[in-house]
Protein backbone atom coordinates (compact mmCIF):
# COMPACT_ATOMS: atom_id res chain seq x y z
CA UNK A 1 -9.90 -1.56 18.67
CA UNK A 2 -10.30 1.70 16.70
CA UNK A 3 -7.66 3.60 18.64
CA UNK A 4 -4.34 2.01 17.37
CA UNK A 5 -5.40 1.05 13.75
CA UNK A 6 -7.00 4.44 13.24
CA UNK A 7 -4.05 6.23 14.51
CA UNK A 8 -1.89 3.93 12.31
CA UNK A 9 -3.73 5.02 9.19
CA UNK A 10 -3.78 8.47 10.05
CA UNK A 11 -0.07 8.26 10.75
CA UNK A 12 0.40 6.97 7.34
CA UNK A 13 -1.22 9.75 5.64
CA UNK A 14 0.87 12.22 7.77
CA UNK A 15 3.89 10.37 6.84
CA UNK A 16 3.21 10.42 3.11
CA UNK A 17 2.42 14.28 3.37
CA UNK A 18 5.74 14.85 5.44
CA UNK A 19 7.83 12.73 3.11
CA UNK A 20 6.78 14.58 -0.11
CA UNK A 21 7.44 17.95 1.59
CA UNK A 22 10.84 16.78 2.53
CA UNK A 23 11.45 15.25 -0.82
CA UNK A 24 10.93 18.59 -2.83
CA UNK A 25 14.49 20.14 -2.24
CA UNK A 26 16.70 16.84 -2.84
CA UNK A 27 14.38 16.03 -5.92
CA UNK A 28 15.06 19.56 -7.42
CA UNK A 29 18.76 19.40 -6.79
CA UNK A 30 19.47 15.95 -8.14
CA UNK A 31 16.69 15.55 -10.89
CA UNK A 32 13.87 13.11 -11.10
CA UNK A 33 15.91 10.17 -12.31
CA UNK A 34 18.90 10.35 -9.88
CA UNK A 35 16.54 10.95 -6.92
CA UNK A 36 14.54 8.06 -7.69
CA UNK A 37 17.40 5.59 -8.27
CA UNK A 38 19.10 6.50 -5.00
CA UNK A 39 15.58 6.02 -3.15
CA UNK A 40 14.76 2.75 -4.73
CA UNK A 41 18.17 1.22 -4.06
CA UNK A 42 18.28 2.26 -0.35
CA UNK A 43 14.67 1.45 0.37
CA UNK A 44 14.47 -1.82 -1.21
CA UNK A 45 17.56 -2.95 0.55
CA UNK A 46 15.85 -1.83 3.85
CA UNK A 47 12.54 -3.69 3.04
CA UNK A 48 14.42 -6.72 1.76
CA UNK A 49 16.17 -7.05 5.32
CA UNK A 50 13.06 -6.33 7.13
CA UNK A 51 11.30 -9.25 5.22
CA UNK A 52 14.18 -11.65 5.81
CA UNK A 53 14.04 -10.84 9.58
CA UNK A 54 10.29 -11.51 9.79
CA UNK A 55 10.32 -14.46 7.45
CA UNK A 56 7.86 -13.01 4.89
CA UNK A 57 9.90 -14.33 1.77
CA UNK A 58 8.27 -17.87 1.71
CA UNK A 59 4.83 -16.32 1.24
CA UNK A 60 5.80 -14.92 -2.43
CA UNK A 61 3.71 -16.49 -5.13
CA UNK A 62 6.60 -16.62 -7.61
CA UNK A 63 4.44 -17.88 -10.59
CA UNK A 64 3.14 -14.26 -10.78
CA UNK A 65 6.42 -13.01 -11.62
CA UNK A 66 5.02 -11.34 -14.86
CA UNK A 67 2.86 -9.13 -12.66
CA UNK A 68 5.70 -8.18 -10.33
CA UNK A 69 7.79 -7.27 -13.47
CA UNK A 70 4.95 -5.15 -14.87
CA UNK A 71 4.33 -3.62 -11.42
CA UNK A 72 8.22 -2.74 -10.97
CA UNK A 73 8.53 -1.18 -14.46
CA UNK A 74 5.10 0.90 -14.61
CA UNK A 75 4.00 1.28 -11.06
CA UNK A 76 7.52 2.03 -9.48
CA UNK A 77 9.88 3.20 -12.09
CA UNK A 78 7.50 5.23 -14.55
CA UNK A 79 5.20 6.09 -11.81
CA UNK A 80 7.85 7.58 -9.54
CA UNK A 81 9.84 9.28 -12.29
CA UNK A 82 6.50 11.06 -13.27
CA UNK A 83 5.72 11.79 -9.64
CA UNK A 84 9.05 13.29 -8.78
CA UNK A 85 9.23 15.52 -11.87
CA UNK A 86 5.66 16.63 -11.06
CA UNK A 87 6.91 17.42 -7.49
CA UNK A 88 9.98 19.37 -9.08
CA UNK A 89 7.82 21.35 -11.26
CA UNK A 90 4.45 21.74 -9.28
CA UNK A 91 5.30 21.46 -5.63
CA UNK A 92 4.24 18.95 -2.94
CA UNK A 93 0.70 20.46 -2.44
CA UNK A 94 -0.24 20.11 -6.32
CA UNK A 95 1.48 16.85 -6.33
CA UNK A 96 -0.57 15.19 -3.45
CA UNK A 97 -3.83 16.74 -4.84
CA UNK A 98 -3.12 14.92 -8.31
CA UNK A 99 -2.16 11.72 -6.79
CA UNK A 100 -5.73 11.69 -5.05
CA UNK A 101 -7.00 10.92 -8.31
CA UNK A 102 -5.84 7.26 -8.11
CA UNK A 103 -9.24 5.99 -6.87
CA UNK A 104 -11.28 7.13 -9.82
CA UNK A 105 -8.32 6.26 -12.39
CA UNK A 106 -8.11 2.83 -10.94
CA UNK A 107 -11.82 2.46 -11.04
CA UNK A 108 -11.71 2.98 -14.73
CA UNK A 109 -8.89 0.60 -15.25
CA UNK A 110 -10.81 -2.05 -13.28
CA UNK A 111 -13.85 -1.43 -15.51
CA UNK A 112 -11.80 -1.90 -18.61
CA UNK A 113 -9.67 -4.96 -17.63
CA UNK A 114 -11.49 -6.66 -14.97
CA UNK A 115 -15.06 -5.78 -16.02
CA UNK A 116 -15.87 -4.38 -12.68
CA UNK A 117 -18.71 -2.06 -13.12
CA UNK A 118 -18.65 1.29 -10.93
CA UNK A 119 -21.56 1.99 -8.83
CA UNK A 120 -23.30 5.28 -8.85
CA UNK A 121 -21.54 6.21 -5.52
CA UNK A 122 -18.29 5.53 -7.30
CA UNK A 123 -19.02 7.87 -9.98
CA UNK A 124 -20.12 10.30 -7.57
CA UNK A 125 -16.90 10.12 -5.72
CA UNK A 126 -15.09 10.50 -8.67
CA UNK A 127 -16.71 13.59 -9.61
CA UNK A 128 -16.37 14.96 -6.25
CA UNK A 129 -12.52 14.12 -6.26
CA UNK A 130 -12.12 15.70 -9.78
CA UNK A 131 -13.84 18.84 -8.76
CA UNK A 132 -11.76 19.15 -5.50
CA UNK A 133 -8.49 18.60 -7.67
CA UNK A 134 -9.48 21.09 -10.13
CA UNK A 135 -10.40 23.75 -7.77
CA UNK A 136 -7.16 23.28 -5.71
CA UNK A 137 -4.61 23.02 -8.53
CA UNK A 138 -6.01 25.92 -10.73
CA UNK A 139 -7.39 28.35 -7.99
CA UNK A 140 -5.42 27.43 -4.87
CA UNK A 141 -2.10 29.00 -5.74
CA UNK A 142 -0.37 30.96 -3.13
CA UNK A 143 2.24 32.97 -5.15
CA UNK A 144 4.21 34.05 -1.87
CA UNK A 145 4.92 30.53 -1.07
CA UNK A 146 8.09 28.73 -2.19
CA UNK A 147 6.53 25.33 -2.47
CA UNK A 148 3.68 26.67 -4.69
CA UNK A 149 6.12 28.15 -7.11
CA UNK A 150 5.89 26.37 -10.46
CA UNK A 151 8.50 25.49 -13.02
CA UNK A 152 7.03 25.01 -16.49
CA UNK A 153 3.46 25.07 -17.57
CA UNK A 154 0.56 24.14 -15.45
CA UNK A 155 -0.64 21.77 -18.14
CA UNK A 156 2.69 19.78 -17.80
CA UNK A 157 2.38 19.68 -14.19
CA UNK A 158 -1.22 18.15 -14.57
CA UNK A 159 -0.16 15.88 -17.14
CA UNK A 160 2.89 14.53 -15.09
CA UNK A 161 0.54 14.11 -12.04
CA UNK A 162 -1.87 12.19 -13.95
CA UNK A 163 0.51 9.93 -15.47
CA UNK A 164 2.18 9.18 -12.14
CA UNK A 165 -1.25 8.33 -10.56
CA UNK A 166 -2.22 6.19 -13.52
CA UNK A 167 1.28 4.25 -13.58
CA UNK A 168 1.01 3.78 -9.85
CA UNK A 169 -2.61 2.62 -10.01
CA UNK A 170 -1.70 0.06 -12.69
CA UNK A 171 1.14 -0.96 -10.51
CA UNK A 172 -1.12 -2.00 -7.73
CA UNK A 173 -4.04 -3.25 -9.91
CA UNK A 174 -1.83 -5.74 -11.76
CA UNK A 175 -0.59 -7.08 -8.32
CA UNK A 176 -3.93 -8.21 -7.29
CA UNK A 177 -3.80 -11.80 -8.43
CA UNK A 178 -0.44 -12.22 -6.54
CA UNK A 179 -1.75 -10.86 -3.42
CA UNK A 180 -4.95 -13.17 -3.55
CA UNK A 181 -2.41 -15.98 -3.98
CA UNK A 182 -1.20 -15.13 -0.36
CA UNK A 183 1.84 -13.12 -0.97
CA UNK A 184 2.59 -10.84 2.10
CA UNK A 185 2.13 -7.19 1.21
CA UNK A 186 5.59 -6.24 2.78
CA UNK A 187 7.28 -8.93 0.68
CA UNK A 188 5.39 -7.78 -2.50
CA UNK A 189 6.47 -4.21 -2.00
CA UNK A 190 9.98 -5.46 -1.32
CA UNK A 191 10.00 -7.41 -4.63
CA UNK A 192 8.57 -4.53 -6.59
CA UNK A 193 11.36 -2.14 -5.15
CA UNK A 194 14.04 -4.68 -5.90
CA UNK A 195 13.06 -5.11 -9.58
CA UNK A 196 12.78 -1.48 -10.00
CA UNK A 197 16.20 -0.73 -8.42
CA UNK A 198 17.79 -3.21 -10.61
CA UNK A 199 16.14 -1.93 -13.78
CA UNK A 200 16.61 1.78 -13.05
CA UNK A 201 20.35 0.92 -12.13
CA UNK A 202 20.81 -0.80 -15.65
CA UNK A 203 19.39 2.25 -17.38
CA UNK A 204 21.87 4.60 -15.31
CA UNK A 205 24.78 2.74 -17.00
CA UNK A 206 23.54 4.59 -20.16
CA UNK A 207 26.02 7.95 -20.38
CA UNK A 208 22.86 10.24 -21.18
CA UNK A 209 22.75 13.57 -19.57
CA UNK A 210 19.27 13.22 -18.29
CA UNK A 211 20.37 10.31 -16.24
CA UNK A 212 23.09 12.28 -14.29
CA UNK A 213 22.85 14.20 -11.07
CA UNK A 214 22.24 17.62 -11.49
CA UNK A 215 24.21 18.59 -8.29
CA UNK A 216 27.09 16.94 -6.26
CA UNK A 217 25.90 14.22 -4.07
CA UNK A 218 26.95 15.21 -0.40
CA UNK A 219 26.42 13.13 2.69
CA UNK A 220 23.82 15.46 3.76
CA UNK A 221 22.11 15.39 0.35
CA UNK A 222 22.10 11.70 0.43
CA UNK A 223 20.43 11.67 3.78
CA UNK A 224 17.78 14.10 2.55
CA UNK A 225 16.92 11.87 -0.24
CA UNK A 226 16.71 8.35 1.48
CA UNK A 227 14.72 9.92 4.38
CA UNK A 228 11.51 10.79 2.53
CA UNK A 229 11.74 7.41 0.68
CA UNK A 230 12.00 5.57 3.98
CA UNK A 231 9.06 7.45 5.52
CA UNK A 232 7.01 6.57 2.47
CA UNK A 233 8.00 2.90 1.54
CA UNK A 234 8.84 1.88 5.08
CA UNK A 235 6.93 3.55 7.86
CA UNK A 236 3.69 4.94 6.23
CA UNK A 237 3.30 1.64 4.19
CA UNK A 238 3.89 -0.41 7.32
CA UNK A 239 1.48 1.76 9.27
CA UNK A 240 -1.30 1.49 6.57
CA UNK A 241 -0.81 -2.27 6.39
CA UNK A 242 -1.19 -2.70 10.13
CA UNK A 243 -4.64 -0.51 9.82
CA UNK A 244 -5.85 -2.72 7.19
CA UNK A 245 -5.17 -5.89 8.93
CA UNK A 246 -6.63 -4.79 12.21
CA UNK A 247 -9.74 -2.76 11.00
CA UNK A 248 -12.31 -2.28 8.52
CA UNK A 249 -10.53 -1.83 5.16
CA UNK A 250 -12.76 1.02 3.97
CA UNK A 251 -12.34 3.27 6.99
CA UNK A 252 -8.69 2.50 6.91
CA UNK A 253 -8.56 3.50 3.49
CA UNK A 254 -10.15 6.73 3.94
CA UNK A 255 -7.84 7.71 7.06
CA UNK A 256 -4.96 6.64 4.94
CA UNK A 257 -5.99 9.15 2.20
CA UNK A 258 -5.74 12.22 4.11
CA UNK A 259 -2.50 13.59 2.80
CA UNK A 260 -4.12 16.35 0.65
CA UNK A 261 -5.37 17.85 3.76
CA UNK A 262 -2.46 17.19 6.26
CA UNK A 263 -0.04 18.64 3.82
CA UNK A 264 -1.62 22.08 4.06
CA UNK A 265 -0.95 22.58 7.97
CA UNK A 266 2.60 21.09 7.24
CA UNK A 267 3.47 23.64 4.66
CA UNK A 268 1.77 26.34 7.07
CA UNK A 269 4.28 25.51 9.77
CA UNK A 270 7.19 25.10 7.31
CA UNK A 271 6.67 28.36 5.41
CA UNK A 272 4.37 30.42 7.67
CA UNK A 273 1.77 30.95 4.94
CA UNK A 274 -1.92 30.41 5.51
CA UNK A 275 -3.22 28.23 2.60
CA UNK A 276 -5.82 29.93 0.50
CA UNK A 277 -9.39 29.06 0.69
CA UNK A 278 -9.44 27.34 -2.50
CA UNK A 279 -6.60 25.21 -1.59
CA UNK A 280 -8.47 24.11 1.76
CA UNK A 281 -11.87 23.51 -0.07
CA UNK A 282 -10.12 21.44 -2.96
CA UNK A 283 -8.11 19.25 -0.53
CA UNK A 284 -11.33 18.55 1.61
CA UNK A 285 -13.44 17.70 -1.69
CA UNK A 286 -10.51 15.37 -2.73
CA UNK A 287 -10.53 13.25 0.39
CA UNK A 288 -14.26 13.35 0.50
CA UNK A 289 -14.59 11.92 -2.94
CA UNK A 290 -12.02 9.31 -2.28
CA UNK A 291 -14.12 8.40 0.89
CA UNK A 292 -17.21 8.17 -1.06
CA UNK A 293 -15.50 5.85 -3.46
CA UNK A 294 -13.89 3.23 -0.96
CA UNK A 295 -16.61 3.50 1.73
CA UNK A 296 -19.91 3.28 0.21
């Protein structure tokens, strides 16, 4: 029973790590807003068709529409915009590491809003995760690496990463009642994406320079933009949902949180540069801290 669900969860981590590496170039060319807009429209359409084909729409608890709206606005739109801008400025390795802060940040939110008191192991895991992220982000730079090149201050990059993680964490947390009411996870994802695609398309009608593409959208660039979104929203999310459905959730969550480690060999193969020891140690600590939070 372990083999297929375990491989699915690891495949999800590998998919997210691959997707964020593939997203760096088109995100830098198009800008955070246009890149996010194209991905949301394309991926929401794909998920909507899949949900229609498998018959997931009747499961949606529509009385929780405020949660869907809040999740779309904050978790998808604001969270993705901050994440893509962090990716453009700081590269995929730093972005994945900063996103690994989701477990401790969501834990704080659950304590504030849901009165869920963290255990000693939760606090220990948060400290380990924070230590790993700090080590890798501030001391793991490889100046010869194109992906590690920064644009802007490191403080801005860290701020964007923390904002992205907080918005995305809130987007998932606010959906908890709707999921407990029986909404299929894939249908919930499709609704969140459809709502976000609609809202960002409305915003795009405002003729502001920040909302315009920074490069001409060629068919090749369009494909390079949609591909990482489909890998993340479609393939990786589906693999992790399968793992959660067929295996212990704690172990599946750990195996699905290996992106900070898996992204290092991907960048190694892509650029031929060996990651610095601080980056390796920090990535391992980030995943270890997340494991402590979700497993114990």
